[in-house]
């Protein structure tokens, strides 16, 4: 299952060249991940209210065509791997008007997350502390195809 999130590029997100500053894509991914979790019926706030957080432990980004001020981006998000100790999300960023899934994305990325106790920051098994979320991940997961890996 994939979720699509619309992002309107603001002036303050661009650099002196008028393109989105590379680190701002991480904010777009956070918005998209939050939307994805709502879409699958497990909002991130539920995890926080239970006393847990899901920090990023790894990021891998490949940039292609730039986004600029005024562009509307579509971030397509999916879970490609889920284990009790980590979850990997994949993102494809397109400019509005591109053919999603056919045209080359402006940016592709993955983020890897673990689950930790909010007070101690000790790693936790998502399967134990958020079984509903873990089961949903397994239901909606779309692993990368061999040609994408």
C-alpha atoms as a PDB file:
ATOM      1  CA  UNK A   1       0.000   0.000   0.000  1.00  0.00           C
ATOM      2  CA  UNK A   2       1.206   3.447  -0.864  1.00  0.00           C
ATOM      3  CA  UNK A   3       0.118   6.842   0.372  1.00  0.00           C
ATOM      4  CA  UNK A   4       0.492  10.119  -1.514  1.00  0.00           C
ATOM      5  CA  UNK A   5       1.171  13.392   0.252  1.00  0.00           C
ATOM      6  CA  UNK A   6       1.017  16.809  -1.402  1.00  0.00           C
ATOM      7  CA  UNK A   7       3.733  19.297  -0.441  1.00  0.00           C
ATOM      8  CA  UNK A   8       3.677  22.939  -1.551  1.00  0.00           C
ATOM      9  CA  UNK A   9       7.241  24.218  -1.805  1.00  0.00           C
ATOM     10  CA  UNK A  10       7.629  27.432   0.168  1.00  0.00           C
ATOM     11  CA  UNK A  11      10.185  30.141  -0.504  1.00  0.00           C
ATOM     12  CA  UNK A  12      11.960  29.574   2.830  1.00  0.00           C
ATOM     13  CA  UNK A  13      12.645  25.942   1.863  1.00  0.00           C
ATOM     14  CA  UNK A  14      14.815  26.990  -1.078  1.00  0.00           C
ATOM     15  CA  UNK A  15      18.435  28.057  -1.260  1.00  0.00           C
ATOM     16  CA  UNK A  16      20.070  30.940  -3.128  1.00  0.00           C
ATOM     17  CA  UNK A  17      19.778  28.962  -6.369  1.00  0.00           C
ATOM     18  CA  UNK A  18      16.011  28.842  -5.916  1.00  0.00           C
ATOM     19  CA  UNK A  19      15.869  25.082  -5.424  1.00  0.00           C
ATOM     20  CA  UNK A  20      14.733  23.138  -2.392  1.00  0.00           C
ATOM     21  CA  UNK A  21      17.613  22.850   0.051  1.00  0.00           C
ATOM     22  CA  UNK A  22      18.589  19.187   0.240  1.00  0.00           C
ATOM     23  CA  UNK A  23      17.906  18.751   3.974  1.00  0.00           C
ATOM     24  CA  UNK A  24      14.325  19.994   3.616  1.00  0.00           C
ATOM     25  CA  UNK A  25      13.415  16.745   1.887  1.00  0.00           C
ATOM     26  CA  UNK A  26      13.698  15.132   5.330  1.00  0.00           C
ATOM     27  CA  UNK A  27      10.816  17.347   6.479  1.00  0.00           C
ATOM     28  CA  UNK A  28       8.796  16.285   3.449  1.00  0.00           C
ATOM     29  CA  UNK A  29       9.457  12.639   4.314  1.00  0.00           C
ATOM     30  CA  UNK A  30       8.309  13.223   7.880  1.00  0.00           C
ATOM     31  CA  UNK A  31       5.034  14.738   6.644  1.00  0.00           C
ATOM     32  CA  UNK A  32       4.581  11.855   4.218  1.00  0.00           C
ATOM     33  CA  UNK A  33       5.339   9.220   6.875  1.00  0.00           C
ATOM     34  CA  UNK A  34       2.809  10.809   9.229  1.00  0.00           C
ATOM     35  CA  UNK A  35       0.187  10.767   6.457  1.00  0.00           C
ATOM     36  CA  UNK A  36       1.024   7.149   5.677  1.00  0.00           C
ATOM     37  CA  UNK A  37       0.473   6.148   9.314  1.00  0.00           C
ATOM     38  CA  UNK A  38      -2.900   7.942   9.392  1.00  0.00           C
ATOM     39  CA  UNK A  39      -3.861   6.224   6.140  1.00  0.00           C
ATOM     40  CA  UNK A  40      -3.205   2.770   7.579  1.00  0.00           C
ATOM     41  CA  UNK A  41      -5.195   3.610  10.726  1.00  0.00           C
ATOM     42  CA  UNK A  42      -2.256   3.933  13.125  1.00  0.00           C
ATOM     43  CA  UNK A  43      -1.481   7.630  13.648  1.00  0.00           C
ATOM     44  CA  UNK A  44       1.944   8.432  15.082  1.00  0.00           C
ATOM     45  CA  UNK A  45       0.267  10.155  18.021  1.00  0.00           C
ATOM     46  CA  UNK A  46      -0.981   6.740  19.205  1.00  0.00           C
ATOM     47  CA  UNK A  47       2.625   5.546  19.539  1.00  0.00           C
ATOM     48  CA  UNK A  48       3.610   8.718  21.417  1.00  0.00           C
ATOM     49  CA  UNK A  49       0.605   8.478  23.745  1.00  0.00           C
ATOM     50  CA  UNK A  50       1.678   4.911  24.595  1.00  0.00           C
ATOM     51  CA  UNK A  51       5.090   6.290  25.671  1.00  0.00           C
ATOM     52  CA  UNK A  52       7.169   5.434  22.615  1.00  0.00           C
ATOM     53  CA  UNK A  53       8.975   7.238  19.795  1.00  0.00           C
ATOM     54  CA  UNK A  54      10.220   6.110  16.395  1.00  0.00           C
ATOM     55  CA  UNK A  55      13.462   7.939  15.606  1.00  0.00           C
ATOM     56  CA  UNK A  56      15.254   7.828  12.281  1.00  0.00           C
ATOM     57  CA  UNK A  57      18.409   5.705  12.447  1.00  0.00           C
ATOM     58  CA  UNK A  58      19.389   5.810   8.764  1.00  0.00           C
ATOM     59  CA  UNK A  59      18.628   7.908   5.685  1.00  0.00           C
ATOM     60  CA  UNK A  60      19.557   7.212   2.073  1.00  0.00           C
ATOM     61  CA  UNK A  61      18.629   9.866  -0.520  1.00  0.00           C
ATOM     62  CA  UNK A  62      19.234  10.174  -4.250  1.00  0.00           C
ATOM     63  CA  UNK A  63      18.473  13.533  -5.848  1.00  0.00           C
ATOM     64  CA  UNK A  64      17.457  14.001  -9.472  1.00  0.00           C
ATOM     65  CA  UNK A  65      15.555  16.959 -10.908  1.00  0.00           C
ATOM     66  CA  UNK A  66      15.242  19.825  -8.427  1.00  0.00           C
ATOM     67  CA  UNK A  67      12.076  21.172  -6.885  1.00  0.00           C
ATOM     68  CA  UNK A  68      11.767  24.961  -6.859  1.00  0.00           C
ATOM     69  CA  UNK A  69       9.720  27.595  -5.080  1.00  0.00           C
ATOM     70  CA  UNK A  70       6.083  27.341  -6.117  1.00  0.00           C
ATOM     71  CA  UNK A  71       6.280  23.700  -7.200  1.00  0.00           C
ATOM     72  CA  UNK A  72       3.817  21.210  -5.813  1.00  0.00           C
ATOM     73  CA  UNK A  73       5.455  17.918  -4.922  1.00  0.00           C
ATOM     74  CA  UNK A  74       3.763  14.578  -4.515  1.00  0.00           C
ATOM     75  CA  UNK A  75       5.531  12.223  -2.106  1.00  0.00           C
ATOM     76  CA  UNK A  76       4.626   8.584  -2.543  1.00  0.00           C
ATOM     77  CA  UNK A  77       5.367   6.560   0.603  1.00  0.00           C
ATOM     78  CA  UNK A  78       5.375   2.869   1.405  1.00  0.00           C
ATOM     79  CA  UNK A  79       6.866   0.449   3.919  1.00  0.00           C
ATOM     80  CA  UNK A  80       9.388  -1.845   2.255  1.00  0.00           C
ATOM     81  CA  UNK A  81      10.610  -3.742   5.309  1.00  0.00           C
ATOM     82  CA  UNK A  82       9.314  -4.342   8.802  1.00  0.00           C
ATOM     83  CA  UNK A  83      10.956  -6.319  11.559  1.00  0.00           C
ATOM     84  CA  UNK A  84      10.320  -6.166  15.286  1.00  0.00           C
ATOM     85  CA  UNK A  85      13.384  -3.929  15.687  1.00  0.00           C
ATOM     86  CA  UNK A  86      13.179  -1.710  12.607  1.00  0.00           C
ATOM     87  CA  UNK A  87      10.953  -0.400   9.840  1.00  0.00           C
ATOM     88  CA  UNK A  88      12.118   0.909   6.478  1.00  0.00           C
ATOM     89  CA  UNK A  89      10.059   3.411   4.483  1.00  0.00           C
ATOM     90  CA  UNK A  90      10.633   4.226   0.812  1.00  0.00           C
ATOM     91  CA  UNK A  91       9.766   7.573  -0.778  1.00  0.00           C
ATOM     92  CA  UNK A  92       9.474   8.822  -4.334  1.00  0.00           C
ATOM     93  CA  UNK A  93       9.077  12.554  -4.869  1.00  0.00           C
ATOM     94  CA  UNK A  94       7.432  13.812  -8.055  1.00  0.00           C
ATOM     95  CA  UNK A  95       6.509  17.264  -9.341  1.00  0.00           C
ATOM     96  CA  UNK A  96       2.793  17.688  -9.807  1.00  0.00           C
ATOM     97  CA  UNK A  97       2.048  16.854 -13.416  1.00  0.00           C
ATOM     98  CA  UNK A  98       4.525  14.003 -13.668  1.00  0.00           C
ATOM     99  CA  UNK A  99       3.192  10.514 -14.275  1.00  0.00           C
ATOM    100  CA  UNK A 100       3.714   8.797 -10.932  1.00  0.00           C
ATOM    101  CA  UNK A 101       5.282   5.391 -11.333  1.00  0.00           C
ATOM    102  CA  UNK A 102       6.183   6.070 -14.969  1.00  0.00           C
ATOM    103  CA  UNK A 103       8.265   9.267 -14.980  1.00  0.00           C
ATOM    104  CA  UNK A 104      11.586   9.433 -13.172  1.00  0.00           C
ATOM    105  CA  UNK A 105      11.100  10.820  -9.639  1.00  0.00           C
ATOM    106  CA  UNK A 106      12.804  14.071  -8.628  1.00  0.00           C
ATOM    107  CA  UNK A 107      14.102  12.299  -5.543  1.00  0.00           C
ATOM    108  CA  UNK A 108      14.061   8.807  -4.054  1.00  0.00           C
ATOM    109  CA  UNK A 109      14.879   7.879  -0.486  1.00  0.00           C
ATOM    110  CA  UNK A 110      14.571   5.417   2.325  1.00  0.00           C
ATOM    111  CA  UNK A 111      14.476   6.049   6.052  1.00  0.00           C
ATOM    112  CA  UNK A 112      15.000   3.394   8.690  1.00  0.00           C
ATOM    113  CA  UNK A 113      13.328   3.708  12.093  1.00  0.00           C
ATOM    114  CA  UNK A 114      13.403   1.884  15.371  1.00  0.00           C
ATOM    115  CA  UNK A 115      11.034   2.200  18.337  1.00  0.00           C
ATOM    116  CA  UNK A 116      12.326   3.476  21.675  1.00  0.00           C
ATOM    117  CA  UNK A 117      10.902   4.153  25.112  1.00  0.00           C
ATOM    118  CA  UNK A 118      10.231   7.908  25.204  1.00  0.00           C
ATOM    119  CA  UNK A 119      11.741   8.324  28.685  1.00  0.00           C
ATOM    120  CA  UNK A 120      14.793   6.079  28.508  1.00  0.00           C
ATOM    121  CA  UNK A 121      15.357   6.003  24.740  1.00  0.00           C
ATOM    122  CA  UNK A 122      15.989   2.270  25.054  1.00  0.00           C
ATOM    123  CA  UNK A 123      15.111   0.275  21.936  1.00  0.00           C
ATOM    124  CA  UNK A 124      11.863  -1.690  22.045  1.00  0.00           C
ATOM    125  CA  UNK A 125      10.291  -4.403  19.925  1.00  0.00           C
ATOM    126  CA  UNK A 126       7.481  -2.813  17.934  1.00  0.00           C
ATOM    127  CA  UNK A 127       5.885  -6.245  17.793  1.00  0.00           C
ATOM    128  CA  UNK A 128       5.544  -6.149  21.606  1.00  0.00           C
ATOM    129  CA  UNK A 129       4.827  -2.474  22.323  1.00  0.00           C
ATOM    130  CA  UNK A 130       2.676  -1.623  19.271  1.00  0.00           C
ATOM    131  CA  UNK A 131       1.324  -4.947  17.952  1.00  0.00           C
ATOM    132  CA  UNK A 132      -1.473  -3.309  15.931  1.00  0.00           C
ATOM    133  CA  UNK A 133       1.022  -1.105  14.091  1.00  0.00           C
ATOM    134  CA  UNK A 134       3.390  -4.019  13.505  1.00  0.00           C
ATOM    135  CA  UNK A 135       0.570  -6.128  12.051  1.00  0.00           C
ATOM    136  CA  UNK A 136      -0.530  -3.257   9.796  1.00  0.00           C
ATOM    137  CA  UNK A 137       3.042  -2.867   8.541  1.00  0.00           C
ATOM    138  CA  UNK A 138       3.114  -6.545   7.613  1.00  0.00           C
ATOM    139  CA  UNK A 139      -0.262  -6.236   5.853  1.00  0.00           C
ATOM    140  CA  UNK A 140       0.645  -3.178   3.761  1.00  0.00           C
ATOM    141  CA  UNK A 141       4.363  -3.793   3.187  1.00  0.00           C
ATOM    142  CA  UNK A 142       5.588  -3.621  -0.407  1.00  0.00           C
ATOM    143  CA  UNK A 143       9.189  -4.868  -0.529  1.00  0.00           C
ATOM    144  CA  UNK A 144      11.490  -3.460  -3.182  1.00  0.00           C
ATOM    145  CA  UNK A 145      11.580  -5.449  -6.384  1.00  0.00           C
ATOM    146  CA  UNK A 146      14.929  -6.961  -7.358  1.00  0.00           C
ATOM    147  CA  UNK A 147      15.492  -4.374 -10.111  1.00  0.00           C
ATOM    148  CA  UNK A 148      15.039  -1.538  -7.572  1.00  0.00           C
ATOM    149  CA  UNK A 149      17.354  -2.925  -4.896  1.00  0.00           C
END
